[in-house]
């Protein structure tokens, strides 16, 4: 229980930093706003997960990296993490609907992550060890020095955190299993109004 509460507090802090950071780029704000808009649709889509899903925007390699990075942000503990909640699919959906310039900035940031991982550890993010992946994200988590070599990755990490949190907490896993929602927040289908005059 203590671990779950600590994780919720950490996510609340991450969410505040990702969404409200005064230094965040316009494309980060734009993608974060789009993710919040799409979160409601994601709740229904996540209830019926397609086994044959393929990304619309991300390449297979990019998708693998997103699965790893989102799971580091919301790992499996006593409840399933971002991977089990298919947060990567949510992010791909947001990117598919995003303005091309915003999408390009995100994908550029993802490519930067691989470049930085190669510079630090000699391998791309997906091939790095969990400790190396965590070390890379830790370098991007704080406000940091804008002149540092890691400054270019901070906006990407802000966008990724924001979309991960929105994607996770609009699934049955995030709402029911993690937050203990009784079902009032999570609805796989919206019944709509059943008054005869509105039919």
C-alpha atoms as a PDB file:
ATOM      1  CA  UNK A   1       0.000   0.000   0.000  1.00  0.00           C
ATOM      2  CA  UNK A   2       2.831   2.392   0.889  1.00  0.00           C
ATOM      3  CA  UNK A   3       4.536   1.665  -2.438  1.00  0.00           C
ATOM      4  CA  UNK A   4       1.274   2.373  -4.286  1.00  0.00           C
ATOM      5  CA  UNK A   5       0.785   5.668  -2.440  1.00  0.00           C
ATOM      6  CA  UNK A   6       4.387   6.662  -3.125  1.00  0.00           C
ATOM      7  CA  UNK A   7       3.890   5.932  -6.807  1.00  0.00           C
ATOM      8  CA  UNK A   8       0.694   7.979  -6.939  1.00  0.00           C
ATOM      9  CA  UNK A   9       2.465  10.909  -5.274  1.00  0.00           C
ATOM     10  CA  UNK A  10       5.353  10.593  -7.714  1.00  0.00           C
ATOM     11  CA  UNK A  11       2.975  10.516 -10.663  1.00  0.00           C
ATOM     12  CA  UNK A  12       1.114  13.546  -9.360  1.00  0.00           C
ATOM     13  CA  UNK A  13       4.416  15.391  -9.148  1.00  0.00           C
ATOM     14  CA  UNK A  14       5.480  14.213 -12.604  1.00  0.00           C
ATOM     15  CA  UNK A  15       2.144  15.223 -14.072  1.00  0.00           C
ATOM     16  CA  UNK A  16       2.343  18.689 -12.583  1.00  0.00           C
ATOM     17  CA  UNK A  17       5.859  19.123 -13.865  1.00  0.00           C
ATOM     18  CA  UNK A  18       5.046  17.798 -17.308  1.00  0.00           C
ATOM     19  CA  UNK A  19       1.858  19.753 -17.854  1.00  0.00           C
ATOM     20  CA  UNK A  20       2.569  22.942 -15.990  1.00  0.00           C
ATOM     21  CA  UNK A  21       6.255  23.514 -16.526  1.00  0.00           C
ATOM     22  CA  UNK A  22       6.836  27.151 -17.373  1.00  0.00           C
ATOM     23  CA  UNK A  23       9.736  26.202 -19.582  1.00  0.00           C
ATOM     24  CA  UNK A  24       7.883  23.593 -21.644  1.00  0.00           C
ATOM     25  CA  UNK A  25       7.840  24.032 -25.406  1.00  0.00           C
ATOM     26  CA  UNK A  26       4.680  24.879 -27.315  1.00  0.00           C
ATOM     27  CA  UNK A  27       4.694  21.486 -29.009  1.00  0.00           C
ATOM     28  CA  UNK A  28       4.824  19.795 -25.595  1.00  0.00           C
ATOM     29  CA  UNK A  29       1.797  21.790 -24.438  1.00  0.00           C
ATOM     30  CA  UNK A  30      -0.017  21.005 -27.676  1.00  0.00           C
ATOM     31  CA  UNK A  31       0.587  17.251 -27.467  1.00  0.00           C
ATOM     32  CA  UNK A  32      -0.330  17.214 -23.769  1.00  0.00           C
ATOM     33  CA  UNK A  33      -3.615  19.005 -24.475  1.00  0.00           C
ATOM     34  CA  UNK A  34      -4.419  16.616 -27.324  1.00  0.00           C
ATOM     35  CA  UNK A  35      -3.670  13.632 -25.072  1.00  0.00           C
ATOM     36  CA  UNK A  36      -6.092  14.947 -22.441  1.00  0.00           C
ATOM     37  CA  UNK A  37      -8.772  15.358 -25.127  1.00  0.00           C
ATOM     38  CA  UNK A  38      -8.237  11.841 -26.461  1.00  0.00           C
ATOM     39  CA  UNK A  39      -8.091  10.248 -23.013  1.00  0.00           C
ATOM     40  CA  UNK A  40     -11.863   9.752 -22.928  1.00  0.00           C
ATOM     41  CA  UNK A  41     -11.868   7.822 -26.206  1.00  0.00           C
ATOM     42  CA  UNK A  42      -8.912   5.771 -25.000  1.00  0.00           C
ATOM     43  CA  UNK A  43     -10.901   4.437 -22.039  1.00  0.00           C
ATOM     44  CA  UNK A  44     -13.378   2.759 -24.363  1.00  0.00           C
ATOM     45  CA  UNK A  45     -10.765   1.563 -26.850  1.00  0.00           C
ATOM     46  CA  UNK A  46      -8.554   0.076 -24.127  1.00  0.00           C
ATOM     47  CA  UNK A  47     -11.419  -2.113 -22.946  1.00  0.00           C
ATOM     48  CA  UNK A  48     -11.287  -4.061 -26.210  1.00  0.00           C
ATOM     49  CA  UNK A  49      -7.604  -4.533 -26.970  1.00  0.00           C
ATOM     50  CA  UNK A  50      -6.950  -5.806 -30.483  1.00  0.00           C
ATOM     51  CA  UNK A  51      -4.372  -8.564 -30.639  1.00  0.00           C
ATOM     52  CA  UNK A  52      -3.387  -7.588 -34.180  1.00  0.00           C
ATOM     53  CA  UNK A  53      -2.773  -3.900 -33.413  1.00  0.00           C
ATOM     54  CA  UNK A  54      -0.109  -2.157 -35.456  1.00  0.00           C
ATOM     55  CA  UNK A  55       1.158   1.400 -34.954  1.00  0.00           C
ATOM     56  CA  UNK A  56      -0.078   4.123 -37.289  1.00  0.00           C
ATOM     57  CA  UNK A  57       2.870   6.465 -36.698  1.00  0.00           C
ATOM     58  CA  UNK A  58       5.603   4.687 -34.778  1.00  0.00           C
ATOM     59  CA  UNK A  59       7.919   2.209 -36.440  1.00  0.00           C
ATOM     60  CA  UNK A  60       8.320  -1.173 -34.722  1.00  0.00           C
ATOM     61  CA  UNK A  61      11.641  -0.020 -33.220  1.00  0.00           C
ATOM     62  CA  UNK A  62      10.161   3.285 -32.038  1.00  0.00           C
ATOM     63  CA  UNK A  63       7.187   1.449 -30.541  1.00  0.00           C
ATOM     64  CA  UNK A  64       9.535  -0.875 -28.627  1.00  0.00           C
ATOM     65  CA  UNK A  65      11.335   2.159 -27.202  1.00  0.00           C
ATOM     66  CA  UNK A  66       8.037   3.793 -26.176  1.00  0.00           C
ATOM     67  CA  UNK A  67       6.901   0.588 -24.437  1.00  0.00           C
ATOM     68  CA  UNK A  68      10.159   0.532 -22.448  1.00  0.00           C
ATOM     69  CA  UNK A  69      10.156   4.243 -21.585  1.00  0.00           C
ATOM     70  CA  UNK A  70       6.504   4.360 -20.502  1.00  0.00           C
ATOM     71  CA  UNK A  71       6.993   1.266 -18.341  1.00  0.00           C
ATOM     72  CA  UNK A  72       9.898   3.045 -16.628  1.00  0.00           C
ATOM     73  CA  UNK A  73       7.588   5.981 -15.908  1.00  0.00           C
ATOM     74  CA  UNK A  74       4.753   3.769 -14.594  1.00  0.00           C
ATOM     75  CA  UNK A  75       6.300   0.397 -13.795  1.00  0.00           C
ATOM     76  CA  UNK A  76       4.528  -2.752 -12.755  1.00  0.00           C
ATOM     77  CA  UNK A  77       4.428  -2.948  -8.957  1.00  0.00           C
ATOM     78  CA  UNK A  78       1.558  -4.581  -7.089  1.00  0.00           C
ATOM     79  CA  UNK A  79      -0.584  -3.376 -10.003  1.00  0.00           C
ATOM     80  CA  UNK A  80       0.131  -3.586 -13.750  1.00  0.00           C
ATOM     81  CA  UNK A  81       2.217  -0.850 -15.329  1.00  0.00           C
ATOM     82  CA  UNK A  82       2.083   1.171 -18.537  1.00  0.00           C
ATOM     83  CA  UNK A  83       3.008  -1.795 -20.737  1.00  0.00           C
ATOM     84  CA  UNK A  84       0.044  -3.867 -19.568  1.00  0.00           C
ATOM     85  CA  UNK A  85      -2.230  -0.839 -20.044  1.00  0.00           C
ATOM     86  CA  UNK A  86      -1.007  -0.467 -23.657  1.00  0.00           C
ATOM     87  CA  UNK A  87      -0.009   3.150 -23.126  1.00  0.00           C
ATOM     88  CA  UNK A  88       2.175   2.893 -26.245  1.00  0.00           C
ATOM     89  CA  UNK A  89      -1.000   2.468 -28.318  1.00  0.00           C
ATOM     90  CA  UNK A  90      -2.499   5.567 -26.753  1.00  0.00           C
ATOM     91  CA  UNK A  91       0.631   7.579 -27.565  1.00  0.00           C
ATOM     92  CA  UNK A  92       0.652   6.322 -31.146  1.00  0.00           C
ATOM     93  CA  UNK A  93      -3.007   7.376 -31.452  1.00  0.00           C
ATOM     94  CA  UNK A  94      -2.254  10.851 -30.116  1.00  0.00           C
ATOM     95  CA  UNK A  95       0.638  11.209 -32.551  1.00  0.00           C
ATOM     96  CA  UNK A  96      -1.596  10.108 -35.441  1.00  0.00           C
ATOM     97  CA  UNK A  97      -3.981  12.977 -34.686  1.00  0.00           C
ATOM     98  CA  UNK A  98      -1.339  15.546 -33.775  1.00  0.00           C
ATOM     99  CA  UNK A  99      -0.271  18.447 -35.940  1.00  0.00           C
ATOM    100  CA  UNK A 100       2.573  17.285 -38.197  1.00  0.00           C
ATOM    101  CA  UNK A 101       5.039  19.736 -36.639  1.00  0.00           C
ATOM    102  CA  UNK A 102       4.223  18.516 -33.104  1.00  0.00           C
ATOM    103  CA  UNK A 103       4.492  14.887 -34.204  1.00  0.00           C
ATOM    104  CA  UNK A 104       7.846  15.579 -35.846  1.00  0.00           C
ATOM    105  CA  UNK A 105       9.167  17.233 -32.673  1.00  0.00           C
ATOM    106  CA  UNK A 106       8.186  14.198 -30.606  1.00  0.00           C
ATOM    107  CA  UNK A 107       9.776  11.765 -33.068  1.00  0.00           C
ATOM    108  CA  UNK A 108      12.881  13.946 -33.191  1.00  0.00           C
ATOM    109  CA  UNK A 109      13.014  13.744 -29.396  1.00  0.00           C
ATOM    110  CA  UNK A 110      12.685   9.970 -29.524  1.00  0.00           C
ATOM    111  CA  UNK A 111      15.573   9.817 -32.014  1.00  0.00           C
ATOM    112  CA  UNK A 112      17.576  12.089 -29.699  1.00  0.00           C
ATOM    113  CA  UNK A 113      17.004   9.555 -26.887  1.00  0.00           C
ATOM    114  CA  UNK A 114      18.612   6.833 -28.990  1.00  0.00           C
ATOM    115  CA  UNK A 115      21.511   9.121 -29.931  1.00  0.00           C
ATOM    116  CA  UNK A 116      22.070  10.100 -26.292  1.00  0.00           C
ATOM    117  CA  UNK A 117      21.851   6.488 -25.145  1.00  0.00           C
ATOM    118  CA  UNK A 118      24.447   5.504 -27.747  1.00  0.00           C
ATOM    119  CA  UNK A 119      26.717   8.329 -26.592  1.00  0.00           C
ATOM    120  CA  UNK A 120      26.402   7.331 -22.940  1.00  0.00           C
ATOM    121  CA  UNK A 121      26.121   3.541 -23.120  1.00  0.00           C
ATOM    122  CA  UNK A 122      27.060   2.523 -26.665  1.00  0.00           C
ATOM    123  CA  UNK A 123      23.568   1.277 -27.546  1.00  0.00           C
ATOM    124  CA  UNK A 124      20.057   2.515 -28.334  1.00  0.00           C
ATOM    125  CA  UNK A 125      17.442   2.901 -25.609  1.00  0.00           C
ATOM    126  CA  UNK A 126      15.741  -0.421 -26.334  1.00  0.00           C
ATOM    127  CA  UNK A 127      19.062  -2.310 -26.152  1.00  0.00           C
ATOM    128  CA  UNK A 128      20.271  -0.595 -22.977  1.00  0.00           C
ATOM    129  CA  UNK A 129      20.003  -2.269 -19.582  1.00  0.00           C
ATOM    130  CA  UNK A 130      17.179  -1.214 -17.249  1.00  0.00           C
ATOM    131  CA  UNK A 131      19.728   0.584 -15.071  1.00  0.00           C
ATOM    132  CA  UNK A 132      21.064   2.503 -18.071  1.00  0.00           C
ATOM    133  CA  UNK A 133      17.550   3.377 -19.249  1.00  0.00           C
ATOM    134  CA  UNK A 134      16.669   4.652 -15.784  1.00  0.00           C
ATOM    135  CA  UNK A 135      19.894   6.659 -15.625  1.00  0.00           C
ATOM    136  CA  UNK A 136      19.058   8.340 -18.932  1.00  0.00           C
ATOM    137  CA  UNK A 137      15.553   9.285 -17.812  1.00  0.00           C
ATOM    138  CA  UNK A 138      16.868  10.525 -14.473  1.00  0.00           C
ATOM    139  CA  UNK A 139      19.136  12.947 -16.325  1.00  0.00           C
ATOM    140  CA  UNK A 140      16.014  14.440 -17.967  1.00  0.00           C
ATOM    141  CA  UNK A 141      13.699  14.435 -14.954  1.00  0.00           C
ATOM    142  CA  UNK A 142      14.885  17.593 -13.222  1.00  0.00           C
ATOM    143  CA  UNK A 143      14.939  21.172 -14.437  1.00  0.00           C
ATOM    144  CA  UNK A 144      18.643  20.755 -15.112  1.00  0.00           C
ATOM    145  CA  UNK A 145      21.009  23.135 -16.826  1.00  0.00           C
ATOM    146  CA  UNK A 146      19.672  24.449 -20.167  1.00  0.00           C
ATOM    147  CA  UNK A 147      23.243  24.489 -21.448  1.00  0.00           C
ATOM    148  CA  UNK A 148      23.837  20.811 -20.650  1.00  0.00           C
ATOM    149  CA  UNK A 149      24.040  18.078 -23.264  1.00  0.00           C
ATOM    150  CA  UNK A 150      20.756  16.662 -21.966  1.00  0.00           C
ATOM    151  CA  UNK A 151      18.724  19.878 -22.361  1.00  0.00           C
ATOM    152  CA  UNK A 152      17.476  18.841 -25.818  1.00  0.00           C
ATOM    153  CA  UNK A 153      15.804  15.750 -24.346  1.00  0.00           C
ATOM    154  CA  UNK A 154      13.886  17.500 -21.569  1.00  0.00           C
ATOM    155  CA  UNK A 155      10.902  18.658 -23.700  1.00  0.00           C
ATOM    156  CA  UNK A 156      10.531  15.150 -25.144  1.00  0.00           C
ATOM    157  CA  UNK A 157      10.506  13.652 -21.657  1.00  0.00           C
ATOM    158  CA  UNK A 158       7.916  16.212 -20.513  1.00  0.00           C
ATOM    159  CA  UNK A 159       5.628  15.248 -23.409  1.00  0.00           C
ATOM    160  CA  UNK A 160       6.198  11.540 -22.853  1.00  0.00           C
ATOM    161  CA  UNK A 161       5.408  11.772 -19.124  1.00  0.00           C
ATOM    162  CA  UNK A 162       2.233  13.750 -19.748  1.00  0.00           C
ATOM    163  CA  UNK A 163       0.926  11.335 -22.397  1.00  0.00           C
ATOM    164  CA  UNK A 164       1.906   8.310 -20.308  1.00  0.00           C
ATOM    165  CA  UNK A 165      -0.046   9.547 -17.304  1.00  0.00           C
ATOM    166  CA  UNK A 166      -3.125  10.437 -19.391  1.00  0.00           C
ATOM    167  CA  UNK A 167      -2.984   7.130 -21.229  1.00  0.00           C
ATOM    168  CA  UNK A 168      -2.527   5.014 -18.118  1.00  0.00           C
ATOM    169  CA  UNK A 169      -5.156   6.616 -15.910  1.00  0.00           C
ATOM    170  CA  UNK A 170      -7.864   6.371 -18.567  1.00  0.00           C
ATOM    171  CA  UNK A 171      -7.663   2.575 -18.718  1.00  0.00           C
ATOM    172  CA  UNK A 172      -9.390   0.029 -16.533  1.00  0.00           C
ATOM    173  CA  UNK A 173      -5.973  -0.921 -15.145  1.00  0.00           C
ATOM    174  CA  UNK A 174      -5.160   2.644 -14.163  1.00  0.00           C
ATOM    175  CA  UNK A 175      -8.557   3.555 -12.786  1.00  0.00           C
ATOM    176  CA  UNK A 176      -9.788   0.349 -11.170  1.00  0.00           C
ATOM    177  CA  UNK A 177      -6.648  -1.539 -10.238  1.00  0.00           C
ATOM    178  CA  UNK A 178      -4.333   1.361  -9.431  1.00  0.00           C
ATOM    179  CA  UNK A 179      -6.756   3.988  -8.121  1.00  0.00           C
ATOM    180  CA  UNK A 180      -9.441   1.598  -6.863  1.00  0.00           C
ATOM    181  CA  UNK A 181     -12.262   3.242  -8.835  1.00  0.00           C
ATOM    182  CA  UNK A 182     -15.574   1.442  -8.372  1.00  0.00           C
ATOM    183  CA  UNK A 183     -16.486   1.881 -12.017  1.00  0.00           C
ATOM    184  CA  UNK A 184     -17.975   5.339 -11.875  1.00  0.00           C
ATOM    185  CA  UNK A 185     -14.976   6.918 -13.599  1.00  0.00           C
ATOM    186  CA  UNK A 186     -14.220   4.097 -16.030  1.00  0.00           C
ATOM    187  CA  UNK A 187     -16.916   3.323 -18.590  1.00  0.00           C
ATOM    188  CA  UNK A 188     -16.138   1.065 -21.508  1.00  0.00           C
ATOM    189  CA  UNK A 189     -19.302   2.294 -23.203  1.00  0.00           C
ATOM    190  CA  UNK A 190     -21.395   5.380 -22.776  1.00  0.00           C
ATOM    191  CA  UNK A 191     -25.037   4.470 -22.508  1.00  0.00           C
ATOM    192  CA  UNK A 192     -26.267   7.908 -23.473  1.00  0.00           C
ATOM    193  CA  UNK A 193     -29.503   9.535 -22.508  1.00  0.00           C
ATOM    194  CA  UNK A 194     -32.447   7.118 -22.203  1.00  0.00           C
ATOM    195  CA  UNK A 195     -35.223   9.703 -21.962  1.00  0.00           C
ATOM    196  CA  UNK A 196     -37.797   9.056 -24.743  1.00  0.00           C
ATOM    197  CA  UNK A 197     -37.843  12.694 -25.809  1.00  0.00           C
ATOM    198  CA  UNK A 198     -34.100  12.541 -26.556  1.00  0.00           C
ATOM    199  CA  UNK A 199     -34.174   9.390 -28.686  1.00  0.00           C
END
